[in-house]
N, C-alpha and C. Protein backbone atom coordinates (compact mmCIF):
# COMPACT_ATOMS: atom_id res chain seq x y z
N MET A 1 -47.35 80.28 -127.47
CA MET A 1 -46.85 80.55 -128.65
C MET A 1 -46.22 78.96 -128.64
N ALA A 2 -46.22 78.47 -130.30
CA ALA A 2 -45.97 77.60 -130.23
C ALA A 2 -44.46 77.12 -131.22
N TYR A 3 -43.73 76.14 -130.63
CA TYR A 3 -42.72 75.91 -131.09
C TYR A 3 -42.34 75.15 -132.20
N ASP A 4 -43.76 74.68 -132.94
CA ASP A 4 -43.87 73.93 -134.09
C ASP A 4 -42.35 74.51 -134.98
N ASP A 5 -42.67 75.35 -135.62
CA ASP A 5 -42.07 76.14 -136.64
C ASP A 5 -40.69 76.04 -136.62
N PRO A 6 -39.88 75.35 -137.06
CA PRO A 6 -38.24 75.62 -136.68
C PRO A 6 -37.57 76.80 -137.03
N ARG A 7 -38.66 77.90 -137.73
CA ARG A 7 -37.86 79.16 -137.49
C ARG A 7 -38.03 79.81 -136.52
N ASP A 8 -39.06 79.53 -135.69
CA ASP A 8 -39.02 80.11 -134.61
C ASP A 8 -38.11 79.15 -133.17
N GLN A 9 -37.31 78.64 -133.49
CA GLN A 9 -36.58 77.92 -132.46
C GLN A 9 -34.91 77.39 -133.32
N PRO A 10 -34.33 79.06 -133.59
CA PRO A 10 -33.20 79.28 -134.12
C PRO A 10 -32.23 78.49 -133.33
N THR A 11 -32.39 78.02 -132.15
CA THR A 11 -30.71 77.87 -132.02
C THR A 11 -31.32 76.17 -131.36
N ARG A 12 -32.07 75.54 -131.88
CA ARG A 12 -32.65 74.19 -132.01
C ARG A 12 -31.58 73.23 -132.82
N ILE A 13 -30.87 72.01 -131.84
CA ILE A 13 -30.34 71.50 -132.92
C ILE A 13 -31.29 70.26 -133.31
N LEU A 14 -31.15 70.47 -135.10
CA LEU A 14 -31.87 69.41 -136.05
C LEU A 14 -31.27 68.57 -135.95
N ARG A 15 -32.30 67.30 -135.75
CA ARG A 15 -31.16 65.86 -135.88
C ARG A 15 -32.16 64.92 -136.77
N GLU A 16 -31.77 64.07 -137.31
CA GLU A 16 -32.59 62.94 -138.34
C GLU A 16 -33.48 62.38 -137.27
N PRO A 17 -34.52 61.78 -137.42
CA PRO A 17 -35.24 60.46 -136.73
C PRO A 17 -34.40 59.26 -136.53
N VAL A 18 -34.43 58.79 -135.35
CA VAL A 18 -33.56 57.71 -135.27
C VAL A 18 -34.35 56.69 -135.15
N ASP A 19 -34.39 55.59 -135.58
CA ASP A 19 -35.13 54.74 -135.38
C ASP A 19 -34.33 53.50 -134.25
N PRO A 20 -34.96 53.22 -133.31
CA PRO A 20 -34.18 52.76 -132.32
C PRO A 20 -34.05 51.07 -132.75
N ASP A 21 -34.58 50.31 -133.28
CA ASP A 21 -34.63 49.15 -133.93
C ASP A 21 -33.44 48.98 -135.24
N ALA A 22 -33.32 50.09 -135.73
CA ALA A 22 -32.04 50.22 -137.23
C ALA A 22 -30.83 49.93 -136.49
N PRO A 23 -30.18 48.85 -137.23
CA PRO A 23 -28.67 48.34 -136.62
C PRO A 23 -28.12 49.96 -137.17
N PRO A 24 -26.69 49.97 -136.37
CA PRO A 24 -25.96 51.20 -136.47
C PRO A 24 -25.26 50.94 -137.91
N ARG A 25 -25.28 52.48 -138.33
CA ARG A 25 -24.63 52.46 -139.97
C ARG A 25 -23.08 52.58 -139.47
N TYR A 26 -22.54 51.78 -140.32
CA TYR A 26 -20.89 51.91 -140.94
C TYR A 26 -20.45 52.38 -141.84
N VAL A 27 -19.45 53.23 -142.18
CA VAL A 27 -18.98 53.32 -143.60
C VAL A 27 -18.13 52.37 -144.02
N ALA A 28 -18.10 51.94 -145.10
CA ALA A 28 -17.18 50.85 -145.59
C ALA A 28 -15.73 52.32 -146.09
N ALA A 29 -14.76 51.48 -145.53
CA ALA A 29 -13.58 52.02 -146.06
C ALA A 29 -13.35 51.30 -146.93
N GLY A 30 -12.11 51.83 -148.05
CA GLY A 30 -11.36 51.28 -148.95
C GLY A 30 -10.44 50.46 -148.62
N PRO A 31 -9.87 49.30 -149.32
CA PRO A 31 -8.83 48.02 -148.75
C PRO A 31 -7.70 48.68 -148.66
N VAL A 32 -7.32 47.85 -147.19
CA VAL A 32 -6.24 48.98 -146.63
C VAL A 32 -4.73 48.16 -147.49
N GLY A 33 -3.67 48.84 -147.94
CA GLY A 33 -2.61 48.37 -148.42
C GLY A 33 -1.37 49.47 -148.31
N VAL A 34 -0.57 49.03 -149.01
CA VAL A 34 0.62 49.72 -149.88
C VAL A 34 0.17 50.21 -151.09
N ASP A 35 0.90 51.73 -151.11
CA ASP A 35 0.63 52.52 -152.05
C ASP A 35 1.61 51.75 -153.27
N PRO A 36 0.88 51.36 -154.60
CA PRO A 36 1.70 50.52 -155.54
C PRO A 36 3.18 51.45 -155.94
N ASP A 37 2.66 52.93 -156.01
CA ASP A 37 3.51 53.62 -157.01
C ASP A 37 4.90 53.94 -155.65
N TRP A 38 4.62 53.58 -154.23
CA TRP A 38 5.31 54.20 -153.12
C TRP A 38 6.93 53.72 -153.43
N ALA A 39 7.40 52.56 -153.88
CA ALA A 39 8.30 52.03 -153.88
C ALA A 39 9.29 52.90 -155.33
N ASP A 40 8.33 53.07 -156.39
CA ASP A 40 8.77 53.68 -157.36
C ASP A 40 9.35 55.14 -157.00
N ARG A 41 8.53 55.91 -156.03
CA ARG A 41 8.72 57.33 -155.78
C ARG A 41 9.99 57.35 -154.72
N THR A 42 9.94 56.11 -154.01
CA THR A 42 11.47 56.37 -153.28
C THR A 42 12.61 56.00 -153.65
N GLU A 43 12.66 55.28 -155.01
CA GLU A 43 13.77 54.85 -155.79
C GLU A 43 14.14 56.44 -156.32
N ASP A 44 13.41 56.84 -156.65
CA ASP A 44 13.44 58.33 -157.67
C ASP A 44 14.30 59.18 -156.78
N ARG A 45 13.61 59.14 -155.44
CA ARG A 45 14.17 60.22 -154.64
C ARG A 45 15.71 59.85 -154.15
N LEU A 46 15.50 58.53 -154.29
CA LEU A 46 17.18 57.69 -153.94
C LEU A 46 18.36 58.24 -154.97
N ARG A 47 17.81 58.32 -155.91
CA ARG A 47 18.92 58.41 -156.96
C ARG A 47 19.05 60.24 -157.18
N SER A 48 17.88 60.79 -156.70
CA SER A 48 17.96 62.08 -156.51
C SER A 48 19.41 62.36 -155.39
N LEU A 49 19.14 61.81 -154.29
CA LEU A 49 19.97 62.16 -153.15
C LEU A 49 21.36 61.79 -153.95
N GLN A 50 21.62 60.51 -154.76
CA GLN A 50 22.59 60.08 -155.06
C GLN A 50 23.54 60.97 -155.89
N GLY A 51 22.94 61.73 -156.94
CA GLY A 51 23.15 62.73 -157.50
C GLY A 51 23.78 64.04 -156.78
N LEU A 52 22.75 64.52 -156.01
CA LEU A 52 23.41 65.60 -154.78
C LEU A 52 24.48 65.21 -154.37
N LEU A 53 24.83 64.19 -153.53
CA LEU A 53 26.11 63.68 -153.01
C LEU A 53 27.25 63.36 -154.07
N ALA A 54 26.76 62.98 -155.26
CA ALA A 54 28.09 63.31 -156.19
C ALA A 54 28.84 64.58 -156.09
N LEU A 55 27.52 65.30 -156.79
CA LEU A 55 28.16 66.84 -157.13
C LEU A 55 28.48 67.58 -155.26
N ALA A 56 28.24 67.36 -154.33
CA ALA A 56 29.02 67.54 -153.10
C ALA A 56 30.50 67.05 -152.90
N SER A 57 30.22 65.78 -152.88
CA SER A 57 31.87 65.21 -153.07
C SER A 57 32.76 65.80 -154.20
N VAL A 58 31.96 65.87 -155.32
CA VAL A 58 32.84 66.60 -156.11
C VAL A 58 33.71 68.15 -155.95
N LEU A 59 32.59 68.94 -155.51
CA LEU A 59 32.86 70.28 -154.61
C LEU A 59 33.81 70.26 -153.34
N ALA A 60 33.33 68.96 -152.76
CA ALA A 60 34.43 68.94 -151.69
C ALA A 60 35.87 68.73 -151.97
N LEU A 61 36.39 67.80 -152.81
CA LEU A 61 37.53 67.24 -153.43
C LEU A 61 38.23 68.65 -154.20
N VAL A 62 37.28 69.01 -154.82
CA VAL A 62 38.05 70.47 -155.57
C VAL A 62 38.33 71.62 -154.27
N ALA A 63 37.72 71.62 -153.46
CA ALA A 63 37.90 72.72 -152.47
C ALA A 63 39.15 72.17 -151.68
N LEU A 64 39.21 70.71 -151.23
CA LEU A 64 40.14 70.44 -150.89
C LEU A 64 41.80 70.30 -151.41
N GLY A 65 41.77 70.16 -152.87
CA GLY A 65 42.48 70.20 -153.74
C GLY A 65 43.04 71.56 -153.82
N VAL A 66 42.73 72.74 -153.67
CA VAL A 66 42.59 74.29 -153.75
C VAL A 66 43.66 74.75 -152.98
N GLY A 67 42.77 73.79 -151.56
CA GLY A 67 43.64 74.11 -150.18
C GLY A 67 44.71 73.78 -150.17
N ILE A 68 44.98 72.45 -150.63
CA ILE A 68 46.47 72.09 -150.44
C ILE A 68 47.51 72.62 -151.46
N TRP A 69 46.92 72.96 -152.25
CA TRP A 69 47.40 74.25 -153.41
C TRP A 69 48.25 75.10 -153.06
N ALA A 70 47.21 75.67 -152.02
CA ALA A 70 47.73 77.34 -151.24
C ALA A 70 48.63 77.18 -150.70
N LEU A 71 48.49 75.67 -149.52
CA LEU A 71 49.56 75.52 -148.84
C LEU A 71 50.95 74.98 -149.32
N VAL A 72 50.75 74.46 -150.36
CA VAL A 72 52.15 74.11 -150.93
C VAL A 72 52.75 75.39 -151.76
N ASP A 73 51.97 76.06 -152.90
CA ASP A 73 52.48 76.90 -153.04
C ASP A 73 53.13 78.44 -152.22
N GLU A 74 52.78 78.60 -150.77
CA GLU A 74 52.82 79.56 -150.02
C GLU A 74 54.17 79.77 -150.21
N ASP A 75 54.47 81.13 -150.17
CA ASP A 75 56.23 81.08 -150.22
C ASP A 75 56.78 81.81 -148.56
N ASP A 76 56.61 81.56 -147.65
CA ASP A 76 57.01 81.99 -146.50
C ASP A 76 58.37 82.31 -146.54
N ASP A 77 59.84 82.36 -147.06
CA ASP A 77 60.76 82.63 -146.64
C ASP A 77 61.16 83.93 -147.80
N ASP A 78 60.10 83.92 -148.54
CA ASP A 78 60.54 85.42 -149.58
C ASP A 78 61.77 85.38 -150.06
N SER A 79 62.27 84.12 -150.77
CA SER A 79 63.59 84.25 -151.56
C SER A 79 64.27 85.21 -152.34
N SER A 80 62.97 85.65 -152.72
CA SER A 80 63.17 86.41 -154.34
C SER A 80 63.91 87.63 -153.48
N GLY A 81 63.87 87.91 -152.42
CA GLY A 81 64.69 89.27 -152.15
C GLY A 81 63.90 90.65 -152.65
N GLN A 82 62.64 90.32 -152.57
CA GLN A 82 61.71 91.57 -153.33
C GLN A 82 60.96 92.12 -151.32
N GLY A 83 61.44 93.37 -150.91
CA GLY A 83 60.18 93.72 -149.67
C GLY A 83 61.04 93.15 -148.49
N ALA A 84 60.46 93.56 -147.42
CA ALA A 84 61.00 93.13 -146.21
C ALA A 84 60.90 92.02 -145.61
N SER A 85 61.18 90.85 -145.11
CA SER A 85 60.61 89.82 -144.68
C SER A 85 59.49 89.56 -143.53
N ARG A 86 58.84 89.04 -143.58
CA ARG A 86 57.46 88.68 -142.68
C ARG A 86 57.82 88.96 -141.33
N ALA A 87 59.19 88.47 -140.98
CA ALA A 87 59.93 88.29 -139.47
C ALA A 87 60.05 89.58 -139.17
N ARG A 88 60.50 90.51 -140.24
CA ARG A 88 61.27 91.71 -140.01
C ARG A 88 59.76 92.69 -140.05
N VAL A 89 58.93 92.41 -140.74
CA VAL A 89 57.83 93.27 -140.47
C VAL A 89 57.22 93.16 -138.94
N VAL A 90 57.08 92.16 -138.63
CA VAL A 90 56.60 91.44 -137.39
C VAL A 90 57.40 92.49 -136.46
N ALA A 91 58.88 92.15 -136.35
CA ALA A 91 59.83 92.55 -135.58
C ALA A 91 59.53 94.14 -135.51
N LEU A 92 59.43 95.02 -136.12
CA LEU A 92 59.03 96.74 -136.64
C LEU A 92 57.74 96.73 -135.61
N SER A 93 56.74 95.59 -136.27
CA SER A 93 55.53 96.33 -135.72
C SER A 93 55.59 95.81 -134.09
N ASP A 94 56.06 94.95 -133.43
CA ASP A 94 56.58 94.38 -132.08
C ASP A 94 57.05 96.24 -131.57
N ARG A 95 57.94 96.37 -131.81
CA ARG A 95 58.84 97.72 -131.60
C ARG A 95 57.93 98.74 -131.51
N VAL A 96 57.15 99.09 -132.82
CA VAL A 96 56.19 100.20 -132.70
C VAL A 96 55.13 100.15 -131.92
N GLU A 97 55.08 98.79 -131.34
CA GLU A 97 53.69 98.82 -130.14
C GLU A 97 54.51 99.33 -128.67
N ARG A 98 55.61 98.50 -128.92
CA ARG A 98 56.21 98.94 -127.34
C ARG A 98 56.56 100.37 -127.22
N LEU A 99 56.77 101.23 -128.39
CA LEU A 99 57.13 102.46 -127.82
C LEU A 99 55.92 103.50 -128.26
N GLU A 100 54.73 103.05 -128.87
CA GLU A 100 53.57 103.56 -128.64
C GLU A 100 52.91 103.21 -127.31
N SER A 101 53.19 102.04 -126.20
CA SER A 101 53.02 102.19 -125.02
C SER A 101 53.75 103.12 -124.41
N ARG A 102 54.73 103.19 -124.43
CA ARG A 102 55.72 103.59 -123.43
C ARG A 102 55.49 104.81 -123.70
N ALA A 103 54.80 105.49 -125.22
CA ALA A 103 54.70 107.00 -124.91
C ALA A 103 53.26 107.66 -124.48
N ASP A 104 52.49 106.52 -124.54
CA ASP A 104 51.12 106.53 -123.77
C ASP A 104 51.23 106.24 -122.01
N ARG A 105 52.44 106.19 -121.62
CA ARG A 105 52.37 105.72 -119.84
C ARG A 105 52.77 107.50 -119.42
N PRO A 106 52.55 107.43 -118.34
CA PRO A 106 53.14 109.11 -117.64
C PRO A 106 54.40 108.76 -117.74
N ALA A 107 54.79 109.98 -117.77
CA ALA A 107 56.53 110.03 -117.78
C ALA A 107 56.76 109.98 -115.91
N PRO A 108 58.08 109.58 -115.69
CA PRO A 108 58.13 110.29 -114.11
C PRO A 108 58.09 111.46 -113.55
N ALA A 109 58.02 111.82 -112.79
CA ALA A 109 57.79 113.31 -111.89
C ALA A 109 58.62 114.08 -112.56
N SER A 110 59.81 113.62 -112.12
CA SER A 110 60.90 114.38 -112.88
C SER A 110 61.09 114.59 -114.30
N THR A 111 60.77 114.31 -115.13
CA THR A 111 60.75 114.21 -116.55
C THR A 111 59.91 114.25 -117.40
N GLU A 112 58.33 114.74 -116.52
CA GLU A 112 57.07 114.61 -116.97
C GLU A 112 56.96 115.75 -118.55
N GLY A 113 56.58 114.87 -119.36
CA GLY A 113 56.31 115.54 -120.39
C GLY A 113 57.62 115.68 -121.22
N GLN A 114 59.07 115.17 -121.43
CA GLN A 114 60.07 115.73 -121.67
C GLN A 114 60.31 114.36 -122.60
N ALA A 115 60.89 114.46 -123.56
CA ALA A 115 61.74 113.17 -124.10
C ALA A 115 63.03 113.41 -124.58
N SER A 116 63.89 112.45 -124.11
CA SER A 116 65.44 112.81 -124.25
C SER A 116 65.73 113.02 -125.71
N GLU A 117 66.71 113.79 -126.00
CA GLU A 117 67.57 113.63 -127.58
C GLU A 117 67.99 112.24 -127.93
N ALA A 118 68.37 111.42 -126.83
CA ALA A 118 68.34 110.19 -127.53
C ALA A 118 67.82 109.74 -128.21
N ASP A 119 66.60 109.54 -127.19
CA ASP A 119 65.11 108.68 -127.91
C ASP A 119 64.97 109.21 -129.55
N LEU A 120 64.37 110.43 -129.47
CA LEU A 120 64.68 111.43 -130.65
C LEU A 120 65.19 110.68 -131.52
N ASP A 121 66.57 110.93 -131.50
CA ASP A 121 67.44 110.29 -132.49
C ASP A 121 67.72 109.24 -133.13
N ALA A 122 67.15 107.91 -131.95
CA ALA A 122 67.20 106.68 -131.89
C ALA A 122 65.97 106.45 -133.22
N LEU A 123 64.64 107.09 -132.65
CA LEU A 123 63.57 107.30 -133.62
C LEU A 123 63.72 107.52 -134.55
N GLN A 124 64.36 108.47 -135.24
CA GLN A 124 64.64 109.44 -136.48
C GLN A 124 65.71 108.07 -137.06
N ASP A 125 66.50 107.75 -136.56
CA ASP A 125 67.71 106.83 -136.99
C ASP A 125 66.88 105.35 -137.71
N ASP A 126 65.94 104.70 -137.00
CA ASP A 126 65.60 104.04 -136.98
C ASP A 126 64.39 103.44 -138.30
N LEU A 127 64.16 105.06 -138.30
CA LEU A 127 62.96 105.47 -139.40
C LEU A 127 63.77 105.59 -140.95
N ALA A 128 64.66 106.28 -140.54
CA ALA A 128 65.57 106.70 -142.31
C ALA A 128 66.34 104.79 -142.39
N ALA A 129 66.37 104.02 -141.40
CA ALA A 129 67.20 102.79 -141.62
C ALA A 129 66.16 101.85 -142.29
N LEU A 130 64.59 102.04 -141.77
CA LEU A 130 63.68 101.24 -142.60
C LEU A 130 63.28 102.04 -143.83
N LYS A 131 63.57 103.01 -144.48
CA LYS A 131 63.02 103.60 -145.41
C LYS A 131 64.34 103.36 -146.67
N THR A 132 65.60 103.19 -145.89
CA THR A 132 66.37 102.99 -146.70
C THR A 132 66.31 101.12 -147.26
N GLN A 133 65.99 100.96 -146.15
CA GLN A 133 65.88 99.09 -146.51
C GLN A 133 64.53 99.23 -147.07
N VAL A 134 63.72 99.90 -147.25
CA VAL A 134 62.68 99.60 -148.46
C VAL A 134 62.99 99.89 -149.60
N ALA A 135 63.54 101.22 -149.80
CA ALA A 135 63.82 101.67 -151.00
C ALA A 135 65.14 100.72 -151.68
N GLU A 136 66.01 99.95 -150.98
CA GLU A 136 67.12 99.14 -151.72
C GLU A 136 66.16 97.68 -152.28
N ARG A 137 65.39 97.31 -151.20
CA ARG A 137 64.61 96.06 -151.54
C ARG A 137 63.46 96.54 -152.79
N GLY A 138 63.08 97.22 -153.05
CA GLY A 138 62.19 97.85 -154.12
C GLY A 138 62.77 98.06 -155.27
N ASP A 139 64.09 98.34 -155.61
CA ASP A 139 64.99 98.43 -156.55
C ASP A 139 65.36 97.12 -157.14
N GLY A 140 65.19 96.15 -156.55
CA GLY A 140 65.90 94.73 -157.29
C GLY A 140 65.25 94.59 -158.55
N GLY A 141 65.95 94.72 -159.86
CA GLY A 141 65.59 94.25 -161.10
C GLY A 141 64.34 94.88 -161.74
N GLY A 142 63.59 95.85 -160.71
CA GLY A 142 62.53 96.33 -161.57
C GLY A 142 61.34 95.90 -161.05
N GLU A 143 61.39 94.69 -160.62
CA GLU A 143 60.00 94.18 -160.07
C GLU A 143 59.31 94.70 -158.88
N SER A 144 58.35 94.92 -158.66
CA SER A 144 57.54 95.09 -157.66
C SER A 144 57.93 93.98 -156.67
N GLY A 145 57.85 94.52 -155.05
CA GLY A 145 57.86 93.64 -153.92
C GLY A 145 56.28 92.87 -153.60
N ASP A 146 56.34 92.60 -152.77
CA ASP A 146 55.21 92.21 -152.41
C ASP A 146 54.12 93.23 -151.76
N ALA A 147 53.32 93.50 -152.04
CA ALA A 147 52.05 94.77 -151.86
C ALA A 147 51.75 94.60 -150.46
N ALA A 148 51.54 93.35 -150.30
CA ALA A 148 51.12 93.45 -148.69
C ALA A 148 52.16 93.84 -147.92
N THR A 149 53.51 93.50 -148.28
CA THR A 149 54.38 93.76 -147.41
C THR A 149 55.08 95.24 -147.08
N GLU A 150 54.73 95.83 -148.40
CA GLU A 150 55.16 97.29 -148.86
C GLU A 150 54.24 97.89 -148.17
N GLN A 151 52.79 97.53 -148.03
CA GLN A 151 51.29 98.20 -147.35
C GLN A 151 52.04 98.29 -145.61
N SER A 152 52.36 97.02 -145.46
CA SER A 152 52.58 96.97 -143.80
C SER A 152 53.91 97.79 -143.66
N VAL A 153 54.74 97.87 -144.12
CA VAL A 153 55.98 98.92 -143.75
C VAL A 153 55.86 100.13 -144.31
N SER A 154 54.93 100.48 -145.28
CA SER A 154 54.63 101.91 -145.38
C SER A 154 53.87 102.41 -143.95
N ALA A 155 53.08 101.37 -143.33
CA ALA A 155 51.84 101.57 -142.14
C ALA A 155 52.50 101.86 -140.84
N LEU A 156 53.55 100.69 -140.83
CA LEU A 156 54.89 101.28 -139.50
C LEU A 156 55.52 102.59 -139.69
N ALA A 157 55.84 102.95 -140.95
CA ALA A 157 56.60 104.04 -141.23
C ALA A 157 55.86 105.05 -140.42
N THR A 158 54.24 105.24 -141.18
CA THR A 158 53.19 106.19 -140.63
C THR A 158 53.40 106.47 -139.50
N ARG A 159 53.20 105.10 -138.62
CA ARG A 159 53.38 105.20 -137.12
C ARG A 159 54.40 105.60 -136.43
N VAL A 160 55.85 105.29 -137.17
CA VAL A 160 56.81 105.75 -136.23
C VAL A 160 57.03 107.40 -136.45
N ASP A 161 56.62 108.01 -137.96
CA ASP A 161 56.49 109.33 -137.92
C ASP A 161 55.38 109.80 -137.15
N GLU A 162 54.09 109.27 -136.47
CA GLU A 162 53.35 109.92 -135.86
C GLU A 162 53.92 109.78 -134.13
N LEU A 163 54.49 108.58 -133.68
CA LEU A 163 55.38 108.64 -132.39
C LEU A 163 56.31 109.95 -132.39
N ALA A 164 57.30 109.78 -133.86
CA ALA A 164 58.25 111.08 -133.73
C ALA A 164 57.42 112.50 -133.50
N SER A 165 56.31 112.46 -134.05
CA SER A 165 55.71 114.22 -133.74
C SER A 165 54.95 114.04 -132.31
N GLN A 166 54.39 112.76 -132.06
CA GLN A 166 54.25 113.12 -130.37
C GLN A 166 55.15 113.44 -129.54
N VAL A 167 56.61 112.65 -129.77
CA VAL A 167 57.58 113.55 -128.91
C VAL A 167 57.89 114.67 -129.12
N ASP A 168 58.08 115.23 -130.46
CA ASP A 168 58.44 116.46 -130.38
C ASP A 168 57.25 117.51 -129.66
N GLU A 169 55.72 117.06 -130.01
CA GLU A 169 54.96 117.74 -128.90
C GLU A 169 55.20 118.24 -127.77
N LEU A 170 55.64 116.77 -127.46
CA LEU A 170 56.04 116.84 -125.80
C LEU A 170 57.18 117.39 -125.40
N ARG A 171 58.15 117.51 -126.20
CA ARG A 171 59.46 118.30 -126.15
C ARG A 171 59.00 120.02 -126.07
N MET A 172 57.88 120.31 -126.55
CA MET A 172 57.40 121.11 -126.87
C MET A 172 56.82 122.16 -125.53
N GLN A 173 56.16 121.29 -125.07
CA GLN A 173 55.61 121.57 -124.08
C GLN A 173 56.14 121.79 -123.01
N PRO A 174 55.88 122.84 -122.02
CA PRO A 174 56.46 123.77 -120.80
C PRO A 174 56.20 122.65 -119.61
N PRO A 175 57.06 122.22 -118.94
CA PRO A 175 56.87 121.03 -117.65
C PRO A 175 56.04 121.83 -116.74
N ALA A 176 55.00 120.73 -116.13
CA ALA A 176 53.64 121.09 -115.48
C ALA A 176 54.67 121.88 -114.17
N ASP A 177 55.49 121.32 -113.38
CA ASP A 177 56.44 121.85 -111.83
C ASP A 177 57.29 122.91 -112.27
N GLY A 178 57.80 123.14 -113.48
CA GLY A 178 58.30 124.16 -113.62
C GLY A 178 59.89 124.14 -114.00
N ALA A 179 60.62 122.79 -113.51
CA ALA A 179 61.51 122.56 -113.95
C ALA A 179 62.14 122.79 -115.48
N ALA A 180 63.36 123.09 -116.05
CA ALA A 180 64.09 123.34 -116.66
C ALA A 180 63.82 122.18 -117.78
N THR A 181 64.03 122.33 -118.79
CA THR A 181 63.79 121.26 -120.18
C THR A 181 64.58 121.17 -120.86
N THR A 182 65.29 120.07 -121.25
CA THR A 182 66.53 120.00 -121.77
C THR A 182 65.93 120.10 -123.70
N PRO A 183 66.62 120.73 -124.28
CA PRO A 183 66.24 120.92 -125.84
C PRO A 183 66.35 119.44 -126.73
């Protein structure tokens, strides 16, 4: 079988005949140099960046001004007489958390599941005092108090009510060791 026909040799690499006496061929490249528009494009990009930097600077200054204004305008002392002071709300919150932690702890073996009458009375007195203070401060001139402070006081009152109901439930449970309970 003859392999002279290129169709008979599908995997053979076809090459141009090379003249061994011919000089090597080189491809001529264009002149090497700097793009003439490079400086213009770079300058245009710098102008765009300068504009963006100016815009970012203005936005930063506006944000700084708003932050300073908020700090200066903040009224921590609540001298208007409306609502409970922040210090009072924090103190009541701490007290409620202490009461909750005391209610969650197991009682000593002799008073397991029992709450004293004094504890319940003190809790109810505190709740009544808190409600009257909120009512007195809320009626000052018909203006509404700080909504966040009122909400905090309301949340504290709810937590105190929940603690009172837990104390009542504990008082109603019979003791586990058969000891007598105090009414």
